[in-house]
């Protein structure tokens, strides 16, 4: 578990450096993967929001004919996002093994998602 968490923290910082975007909470610094310093965003919660996220995320992520491995924990849990005042999402947990590949394929469509 510990090695996986360190690897995810390192990946999160690398993703932010490679692809800074308003869809992602900025990971400002990583202390060798042991701890990350990230801009603060309040994690979302609630069954109604979770249901909306599932429906909208499924629609976006199933829209491509290309096969992209998607980590359900990373992409389908409302706790991994902050909902901004305009209803757009800010992803606060994006260190999954294929998260960069998912972002590269789907970022424009992910940025269009709105949760009420």
Protein backbone atom coordinates (compact mmCIF):
# COMPACT_ATOMS: atom_id res chain seq x y z
CA UNK A 1 0.00 0.00 0.00
CA UNK A 2 2.75 2.46 0.97
CA UNK A 3 4.71 2.00 -2.27
CA UNK A 4 1.55 2.43 -4.31
CA UNK A 5 0.64 5.65 -2.47
CA UNK A 6 4.12 7.09 -3.01
CA UNK A 7 3.95 6.19 -6.71
CA UNK A 8 0.52 7.83 -7.02
CA UNK A 9 1.75 11.01 -5.34
CA UNK A 10 4.73 11.18 -7.70
CA UNK A 11 2.47 10.59 -10.70
CA UNK A 12 0.08 13.30 -9.55
CA UNK A 13 2.89 15.86 -9.45
CA UNK A 14 4.24 14.67 -12.82
CA UNK A 15 0.77 14.94 -14.40
CA UNK A 16 0.34 18.48 -13.07
CA UNK A 17 3.75 19.51 -14.41
CA UNK A 18 3.08 17.91 -17.80
CA UNK A 19 -0.52 19.07 -18.18
CA UNK A 20 -1.51 21.95 -15.86
CA UNK A 21 -5.19 22.65 -16.37
CA UNK A 22 -8.14 24.19 -14.54
CA UNK A 23 -9.76 20.73 -14.46
CA UNK A 24 -7.00 19.60 -12.05
CA UNK A 25 -6.27 20.87 -8.55
CA UNK A 26 -2.68 22.13 -8.77
CA UNK A 27 -0.13 19.86 -7.12
CA UNK A 28 2.41 22.50 -6.16
CA UNK A 29 5.10 20.27 -4.64
CA UNK A 30 5.79 16.63 -3.88
CA UNK A 31 8.19 15.64 -1.11
CA UNK A 32 9.63 12.51 -2.77
CA UNK A 33 6.07 11.19 -3.11
CA UNK A 34 5.67 10.97 0.66
CA UNK A 35 3.48 14.08 0.81
CA UNK A 36 2.04 16.42 -1.80
CA UNK A 37 1.24 20.09 -1.40
CA UNK A 38 -1.89 20.87 -3.37
CA UNK A 39 -4.09 23.93 -3.65
CA UNK A 40 -7.11 23.50 -1.38
CA UNK A 41 -10.39 22.39 -2.89
CA UNK A 42 -13.24 20.98 -0.80
CA UNK A 43 -14.01 17.39 -1.73
CA UNK A 44 -17.61 16.82 -2.80
CA UNK A 45 -19.90 14.25 -1.25
CA UNK A 46 -23.47 13.01 -1.41
CA UNK A 47 -25.44 10.28 -3.15
CA UNK A 48 -27.30 12.61 -5.51
CA UNK A 49 -24.05 14.22 -6.67
CA UNK A 50 -22.41 10.81 -6.96
CA UNK A 51 -25.25 9.58 -9.20
CA UNK A 52 -24.96 12.65 -11.45
CA UNK A 53 -21.22 12.18 -11.69
CA UNK A 54 -21.57 8.50 -12.63
CA UNK A 55 -24.03 9.26 -15.42
CA UNK A 56 -22.08 12.16 -16.89
CA UNK A 57 -18.67 10.55 -16.50
CA UNK A 58 -19.88 7.32 -18.11
CA UNK A 59 -21.25 9.30 -21.05
CA UNK A 60 -17.91 11.05 -21.59
CA UNK A 61 -15.62 8.08 -21.00
CA UNK A 62 -17.63 5.73 -23.22
CA UNK A 63 -17.72 8.24 -26.08
CA UNK A 64 -14.50 7.08 -27.72
CA UNK A 65 -13.88 4.11 -29.99
CA UNK A 66 -10.34 3.89 -28.62
CA UNK A 67 -9.72 1.54 -25.72
CA UNK A 68 -8.46 3.43 -22.68
CA UNK A 69 -8.07 1.70 -19.32
CA UNK A 70 -10.08 3.65 -16.75
CA UNK A 71 -9.69 3.31 -12.99
CA UNK A 72 -13.21 3.40 -11.56
CA UNK A 73 -11.98 4.58 -8.17
CA UNK A 74 -10.21 7.55 -9.67
CA UNK A 75 -12.84 8.67 -12.17
CA UNK A 76 -16.23 7.69 -10.75
CA UNK A 77 -16.07 8.70 -7.06
CA UNK A 78 -17.47 12.12 -6.21
CA UNK A 79 -14.97 12.47 -3.34
CA UNK A 80 -12.19 12.81 -5.92
CA UNK A 81 -13.66 16.08 -7.20
CA UNK A 82 -14.54 19.52 -6.01
CA UNK A 83 -17.60 21.07 -7.59
CA UNK A 84 -16.91 24.69 -8.44
CA UNK A 85 -19.59 27.44 -8.18
CA UNK A 86 -20.46 27.13 -11.89
CA UNK A 87 -20.99 23.35 -11.52
CA UNK A 88 -17.76 22.41 -13.27
CA UNK A 89 -15.44 19.81 -11.78
CA UNK A 90 -11.96 20.14 -10.38
CA UNK A 91 -10.25 16.75 -9.98
CA UNK A 92 -8.33 16.61 -6.70
CA UNK A 93 -7.10 13.01 -6.93
CA UNK A 94 -5.45 12.15 -10.24
CA UNK A 95 -2.43 9.97 -9.51
CA UNK A 96 -3.87 6.76 -10.94
CA UNK A 97 -1.76 4.67 -13.27
CA UNK A 98 -3.69 5.64 -16.44
CA UNK A 99 -5.02 9.03 -15.38
CA UNK A 100 -2.73 10.97 -17.73
CA UNK A 101 -3.85 8.85 -20.69
CA UNK A 102 -7.51 9.45 -19.77
CA UNK A 103 -6.86 13.20 -19.50
CA UNK A 104 -5.12 13.28 -22.88
CA UNK A 105 -8.06 11.52 -24.54
CA UNK A 106 -11.00 13.17 -22.80
CA UNK A 107 -10.00 16.51 -21.23
CA UNK A 108 -12.06 18.81 -23.49
CA UNK A 109 -15.21 16.75 -22.85
CA UNK A 110 -14.47 16.35 -19.12
CA UNK A 111 -14.27 20.12 -18.80
CA UNK A 112 -17.82 20.40 -20.19
CA UNK A 113 -19.37 18.32 -17.39
CA UNK A 114 -21.58 20.29 -14.99
CA UNK A 115 -23.00 18.96 -11.73
CA UNK A 116 -25.98 20.75 -10.14
